[in-house]
Every structure is written in C-alpha cells, then in structure tokens.
Amino acid sequence: MASSSGTSSGSSLLQNSGSEEDLQLLMDQRKRKRMISNRESARRSRMRKQKHLDDLVSQVSKLRKENQEILTSVNITTQQCLSVEAENSVLKAQMNELSNRLESLNEIVGAMNSSNGVFGASTTFVEPNNGFFFNSLNNMSYMNQPIMASADILQY
C-alpha cells in the first residue's frame, strides 16, 4: 500500500507541476497577447496623433493662403478707393473752375447787356447750380482755354 500511495502521490505531484506549468504557459501567453494588444493600441494612437497633426498643418496652410488672398483683395480695394478719391478731387476742382468761369461769363454778359444791349435777348447763360452750358459767345478767346486740375489742388 505504501508503494501504491507513493506512486499515486508522485503521480499527483507530476500532474500538479504539469498543471502549474500549463497555468504559467497560459499566463505567459495572455501576457504576450496583452503586450501585443497594447503595442497595437499605442501604434494606432500615434497614427491618430500624426493624422491630427497633419490635418492641423494643412488647415494652417489653407488659412494662411486665404489670409494672403484677403490681404491682396484689401490692398487692391484700397488702391482703387485712393484712385477714385483722387479722380473725385480732380473732378471737384474742375467743377469749381467751371462754376467760377460761368459766374464770370454771366457777370460779363449782364454788364454788356446793361451797358449797350449788344448781345440781345438770344444770349443766355444758365446759373452754376442749373448747368454748365451757354447758347452764344463761342468765339470768345478765354473760352478756348483748357481746364486743368490735379489731385493736389485741393488740400484737406
């Protein structure tokens, strides 16, 4: 009996140590799977971070390009505005000059009509507020002078 119990206890130790080895192998296998899974998860996380960084770099590039286009548009619009303001100043100066000429002509015609009636009733000038044309006196030499004005005439 002693020998049978000795063999049975020896056999149980072998089974016990075999199951411990199996358990250790199983734990090692699970540990390796977890390590592999963790490495894969870390790799996916790095890939997501890199993609996010690439998207942000692309967005920055796109916004810089858009900003440059807006600045160019603003500069063009500013130049056009300055050009229109300069042209407007020239036109105002020309209008003032023409208004002054018209007033002078009306004074001359009024003086001539009152002094000797040379021009008669057919000669009429329009007041500066109503227009810039006349019906007679086309041969007067001062009327053929060019009207000159520049943007620097008017100073603000």
C-alpha atoms as a PDB file:
ATOM      1  CA  MET A   1       0.000   0.000   0.000  1.00  0.00           C
ATOM      2  CA  ALA A   2       2.804   2.305   0.805  1.00  0.00           C
ATOM      3  CA  SER A   3       4.247   1.860  -2.582  1.00  0.00           C
ATOM      4  CA  SER A   4       0.923   2.387  -4.249  1.00  0.00           C
ATOM      5  CA  SER A   5       0.337   5.565  -2.274  1.00  0.00           C
ATOM      6  CA  GLY A   6       3.894   6.674  -3.057  1.00  0.00           C
ATOM      7  CA  THR A   7       3.343   6.288  -6.727  1.00  0.00           C
ATOM      8  CA  SER A   8      -0.009   7.898  -6.590  1.00  0.00           C
ATOM      9  CA  SER A   9       1.379  10.880  -4.664  1.00  0.00           C
ATOM     10  CA  GLY A  10       4.323  11.044  -7.073  1.00  0.00           C
ATOM     11  CA  SER A  11       1.935  10.929  -9.944  1.00  0.00           C
ATOM     12  CA  SER A  12      -0.167  13.686  -8.403  1.00  0.00           C
ATOM     13  CA  LEU A  13       2.958  15.847  -7.983  1.00  0.00           C
ATOM     14  CA  LEU A  14       3.707  15.368 -11.656  1.00  0.00           C
ATOM     15  CA  GLN A  15       0.139  16.284 -12.560  1.00  0.00           C
ATOM     16  CA  ASN A  16       0.261  19.204 -10.160  1.00  0.00           C
ATOM     17  CA  SER A  17       3.525  20.505 -11.570  1.00  0.00           C
ATOM     18  CA  GLY A  18       2.227  19.906 -15.108  1.00  0.00           C
ATOM     19  CA  SER A  19      -0.871  21.981 -14.413  1.00  0.00           C
ATOM     20  CA  GLU A  20       1.293  24.730 -12.847  1.00  0.00           C
ATOM     21  CA  GLU A  21       3.427  24.737 -15.996  1.00  0.00           C
ATOM     22  CA  ASP A  22       0.294  24.864 -18.109  1.00  0.00           C
ATOM     23  CA  LEU A  23      -1.025  27.668 -15.945  1.00  0.00           C
ATOM     24  CA  GLN A  24       2.304  29.508 -16.249  1.00  0.00           C
ATOM     25  CA  LEU A  25       2.279  28.997 -20.039  1.00  0.00           C
ATOM     26  CA  LEU A  26      -1.292  30.240 -20.191  1.00  0.00           C
ATOM     27  CA  MET A  27      -0.373  33.324 -18.141  1.00  0.00           C
ATOM     28  CA  ASP A  28       2.706  33.959 -20.294  1.00  0.00           C
ATOM     29  CA  GLN A  29       0.570  33.611 -23.414  1.00  0.00           C
ATOM     30  CA  ARG A  30      -2.011  36.067 -22.062  1.00  0.00           C
ATOM     31  CA  LYS A  31       0.782  38.438 -21.058  1.00  0.00           C
ATOM     32  CA  ARG A  32       2.217  38.301 -24.600  1.00  0.00           C
ATOM     33  CA  LYS A  33      -1.229  38.871 -26.137  1.00  0.00           C
ATOM     34  CA  ARG A  34      -1.766  41.861 -23.829  1.00  0.00           C
ATOM     35  CA  MET A  35       1.662  43.272 -24.724  1.00  0.00           C
ATOM     36  CA  ILE A  36       0.921  42.848 -28.437  1.00  0.00           C
ATOM     37  CA  SER A  37      -2.515  44.417 -27.967  1.00  0.00           C
ATOM     38  CA  ASN A  38      -1.002  47.337 -26.019  1.00  0.00           C
ATOM     39  CA  ARG A  39       1.652  47.871 -28.683  1.00  0.00           C
ATOM     40  CA  GLU A  40      -1.009  47.868 -31.412  1.00  0.00           C
ATOM     41  CA  SER A  41      -3.152  50.304 -29.419  1.00  0.00           C
ATOM     42  CA  ALA A  42      -0.149  52.608 -28.890  1.00  0.00           C
ATOM     43  CA  ARG A  43       0.659  52.408 -32.632  1.00  0.00           C
ATOM     44  CA  ARG A  44      -2.953  53.338 -33.517  1.00  0.00           C
ATOM     45  CA  SER A  45      -2.816  56.196 -31.008  1.00  0.00           C
ATOM     46  CA  ARG A  46       0.417  57.519 -32.560  1.00  0.00           C
ATOM     47  CA  MET A  47      -1.136  57.240 -36.010  1.00  0.00           C
ATOM     48  CA  ARG A  48      -4.225  59.211 -34.861  1.00  0.00           C
ATOM     49  CA  LYS A  49      -1.974  61.884 -33.332  1.00  0.00           C
ATOM     50  CA  GLN A  50       0.079  62.117 -36.529  1.00  0.00           C
ATOM     51  CA  LYS A  51      -3.073  62.366 -38.672  1.00  0.00           C
ATOM     52  CA  HIS A  52      -4.455  65.084 -36.383  1.00  0.00           C
ATOM     53  CA  LEU A  53      -1.137  66.965 -36.602  1.00  0.00           C
ATOM     54  CA  ASP A  54      -1.108  66.633 -40.403  1.00  0.00           C
ATOM     55  CA  ASP A  55      -4.699  67.917 -40.551  1.00  0.00           C
ATOM     56  CA  LEU A  56      -3.776  70.917 -38.394  1.00  0.00           C
ATOM     57  CA  VAL A  57      -0.725  71.711 -40.536  1.00  0.00           C
ATOM     58  CA  SER A  58      -2.907  71.506 -43.644  1.00  0.00           C
ATOM     59  CA  GLN A  59      -5.517  73.767 -42.062  1.00  0.00           C
ATOM     60  CA  VAL A  60      -2.839  76.324 -41.083  1.00  0.00           C
ATOM     61  CA  SER A  61      -1.537  76.320 -44.651  1.00  0.00           C
ATOM     62  CA  LYS A  62      -5.043  76.770 -46.053  1.00  0.00           C
ATOM     63  CA  LEU A  63      -5.825  79.627 -43.622  1.00  0.00           C
ATOM     64  CA  ARG A  64      -2.541  81.376 -44.411  1.00  0.00           C
ATOM     65  CA  LYS A  65      -3.302  81.186 -48.116  1.00  0.00           C
ATOM     66  CA  GLU A  66      -6.827  82.503 -47.533  1.00  0.00           C
ATOM     67  CA  ASN A  67      -5.449  85.298 -45.337  1.00  0.00           C
ATOM     68  CA  GLN A  68      -2.969  86.272 -48.066  1.00  0.00           C
ATOM     69  CA  GLU A  69      -5.794  86.368 -50.642  1.00  0.00           C
ATOM     70  CA  ILE A  70      -7.866  88.585 -48.342  1.00  0.00           C
ATOM     71  CA  LEU A  71      -4.903  90.927 -47.772  1.00  0.00           C
ATOM     72  CA  THR A  72      -4.331  91.148 -51.527  1.00  0.00           C
ATOM     73  CA  SER A  73      -8.011  91.914 -52.057  1.00  0.00           C
ATOM     74  CA  VAL A  74      -7.944  94.600 -49.353  1.00  0.00           C
ATOM     75  CA  ASN A  75      -4.831  96.174 -50.911  1.00  0.00           C
ATOM     76  CA  ILE A  76      -6.424  96.223 -54.372  1.00  0.00           C
ATOM     77  CA  THR A  77      -9.631  97.719 -52.973  1.00  0.00           C
ATOM     78  CA  THR A  78      -7.642 100.347 -51.058  1.00  0.00           C
ATOM     79  CA  GLN A  79      -5.733 101.304 -54.215  1.00  0.00           C
ATOM     80  CA  GLN A  80      -8.996 101.571 -56.167  1.00  0.00           C
ATOM     81  CA  CYS A  81     -10.504 103.717 -53.408  1.00  0.00           C
ATOM     82  CA  LEU A  82      -7.491 106.045 -53.422  1.00  0.00           C
ATOM     83  CA  SER A  83      -7.683 106.283 -57.196  1.00  0.00           C
ATOM     84  CA  VAL A  84     -11.397 107.136 -57.081  1.00  0.00           C
ATOM     85  CA  GLU A  85     -10.775 109.722 -54.345  1.00  0.00           C
ATOM     86  CA  ALA A  86      -8.048 111.354 -56.433  1.00  0.00           C
ATOM     87  CA  GLU A  87     -10.288 111.395 -59.505  1.00  0.00           C
ATOM     88  CA  ASN A  88     -13.108 112.819 -57.399  1.00  0.00           C
ATOM     89  CA  SER A  89     -10.807 115.602 -56.180  1.00  0.00           C
ATOM     90  CA  VAL A  90      -9.840 116.446 -59.758  1.00  0.00           C
ATOM     91  CA  LEU A  91     -13.490 116.494 -60.808  1.00  0.00           C
ATOM     92  CA  LYS A  92     -14.411 118.749 -57.871  1.00  0.00           C
ATOM     93  CA  ALA A  93     -11.616 121.144 -58.819  1.00  0.00           C
ATOM     94  CA  GLN A  94     -12.790 121.165 -62.439  1.00  0.00           C
ATOM     95  CA  MET A  95     -16.372 121.756 -61.313  1.00  0.00           C
ATOM     96  CA  ASN A  96     -15.290 124.695 -59.145  1.00  0.00           C
ATOM     97  CA  GLU A  97     -13.268 126.139 -62.006  1.00  0.00           C
ATOM     98  CA  LEU A  98     -16.177 125.783 -64.426  1.00  0.00           C
ATOM     99  CA  SER A  99     -18.579 127.293 -61.900  1.00  0.00           C
ATOM    100  CA  ASN A 100     -16.269 130.286 -61.464  1.00  0.00           C
ATOM    101  CA  ARG A 101     -15.962 130.703 -65.241  1.00  0.00           C
ATOM    102  CA  LEU A 102     -19.716 130.523 -65.637  1.00  0.00           C
ATOM    103  CA  GLU A 103     -20.255 133.141 -62.951  1.00  0.00           C
ATOM    104  CA  SER A 104     -17.686 135.379 -64.634  1.00  0.00           C
ATOM    105  CA  LEU A 105     -19.355 134.927 -68.010  1.00  0.00           C
ATOM    106  CA  ASN A 106     -22.762 135.693 -66.551  1.00  0.00           C
ATOM    107  CA  GLU A 107     -21.341 138.860 -64.988  1.00  0.00           C
ATOM    108  CA  ILE A 108     -19.760 139.894 -68.308  1.00  0.00           C
ATOM    109  CA  VAL A 109     -22.978 139.264 -70.229  1.00  0.00           C
ATOM    110  CA  GLY A 110     -25.001 141.083 -67.611  1.00  0.00           C
ATOM    111  CA  ALA A 111     -22.643 144.043 -67.741  1.00  0.00           C
ATOM    112  CA  MET A 112     -22.656 144.126 -71.532  1.00  0.00           C
ATOM    113  CA  ASN A 113     -26.445 143.797 -71.736  1.00  0.00           C
ATOM    114  CA  SER A 114     -26.983 146.578 -69.267  1.00  0.00           C
ATOM    115  CA  SER A 115     -24.418 148.935 -70.846  1.00  0.00           C
ATOM    116  CA  ASN A 116     -25.243 148.787 -74.535  1.00  0.00           C
ATOM    117  CA  GLY A 117     -27.515 145.823 -75.343  1.00  0.00           C
ATOM    118  CA  VAL A 118     -25.013 144.359 -77.818  1.00  0.00           C
ATOM    119  CA  PHE A 119     -25.891 140.703 -77.355  1.00  0.00           C
ATOM    120  CA  GLY A 120     -29.640 140.958 -77.357  1.00  0.00           C
ATOM    121  CA  ALA A 121     -32.133 138.516 -75.888  1.00  0.00           C
ATOM    122  CA  SER A 122     -30.747 135.395 -77.604  1.00  0.00           C
ATOM    123  CA  THR A 123     -27.676 135.210 -75.375  1.00  0.00           C
ATOM    124  CA  THR A 124     -28.444 133.271 -72.192  1.00  0.00           C
ATOM    125  CA  PHE A 125     -26.295 131.600 -69.635  1.00  0.00           C
ATOM    126  CA  VAL A 126     -27.528 129.154 -67.066  1.00  0.00           C
ATOM    127  CA  GLU A 127     -26.789 129.693 -63.405  1.00  0.00           C
ATOM    128  CA  PRO A 128     -23.992 127.466 -61.985  1.00  0.00           C
ATOM    129  CA  ASN A 129     -26.461 125.442 -59.963  1.00  0.00           C
ATOM    130  CA  ASN A 130     -28.576 124.600 -63.020  1.00  0.00           C
ATOM    131  CA  GLY A 131     -25.933 123.567 -65.569  1.00  0.00           C
ATOM    132  CA  PHE A 132     -22.715 124.409 -67.410  1.00  0.00           C
ATOM    133  CA  PHE A 133     -23.719 125.367 -70.921  1.00  0.00           C
ATOM    134  CA  PHE A 134     -24.399 128.547 -72.870  1.00  0.00           C
ATOM    135  CA  ASN A 135     -26.053 129.447 -76.173  1.00  0.00           C
ATOM    136  CA  SER A 136     -23.731 132.158 -77.502  1.00  0.00           C
ATOM    137  CA  LEU A 137     -20.280 133.773 -77.235  1.00  0.00           C
ATOM    138  CA  ASN A 138     -18.463 130.733 -78.674  1.00  0.00           C
ATOM    139  CA  ASN A 139     -15.823 132.923 -80.263  1.00  0.00           C
ATOM    140  CA  MET A 140     -14.510 134.405 -77.008  1.00  0.00           C
ATOM    141  CA  SER A 141     -10.831 133.578 -76.675  1.00  0.00           C
ATOM    142  CA  TYR A 142     -10.815 132.801 -72.951  1.00  0.00           C
ATOM    143  CA  MET A 143     -13.435 130.095 -73.527  1.00  0.00           C
ATOM    144  CA  ASN A 144     -10.955 128.031 -75.541  1.00  0.00           C
ATOM    145  CA  GLN A 145      -8.534 127.620 -72.644  1.00  0.00           C
ATOM    146  CA  PRO A 146      -8.171 124.036 -71.403  1.00  0.00           C
ATOM    147  CA  ILE A 147      -9.422 123.239 -67.950  1.00  0.00           C
ATOM    148  CA  MET A 148      -6.605 121.824 -65.903  1.00  0.00           C
ATOM    149  CA  ALA A 149      -6.776 120.414 -62.415  1.00  0.00           C
ATOM    150  CA  SER A 150      -4.873 117.844 -60.383  1.00  0.00           C
ATOM    151  CA  ALA A 151      -5.484 115.999 -57.140  1.00  0.00           C
ATOM    152  CA  ASP A 152      -3.024 118.133 -55.211  1.00  0.00           C
ATOM    153  CA  ILE A 153      -5.025 121.338 -55.835  1.00  0.00           C
ATOM    154  CA  LEU A 154      -7.380 120.509 -53.006  1.00  0.00           C
ATOM    155  CA  GLN A 155      -5.783 120.070 -49.644  1.00  0.00           C
ATOM    156  CA  TYR A 156      -7.720 118.764 -46.719  1.00  0.00           C
END
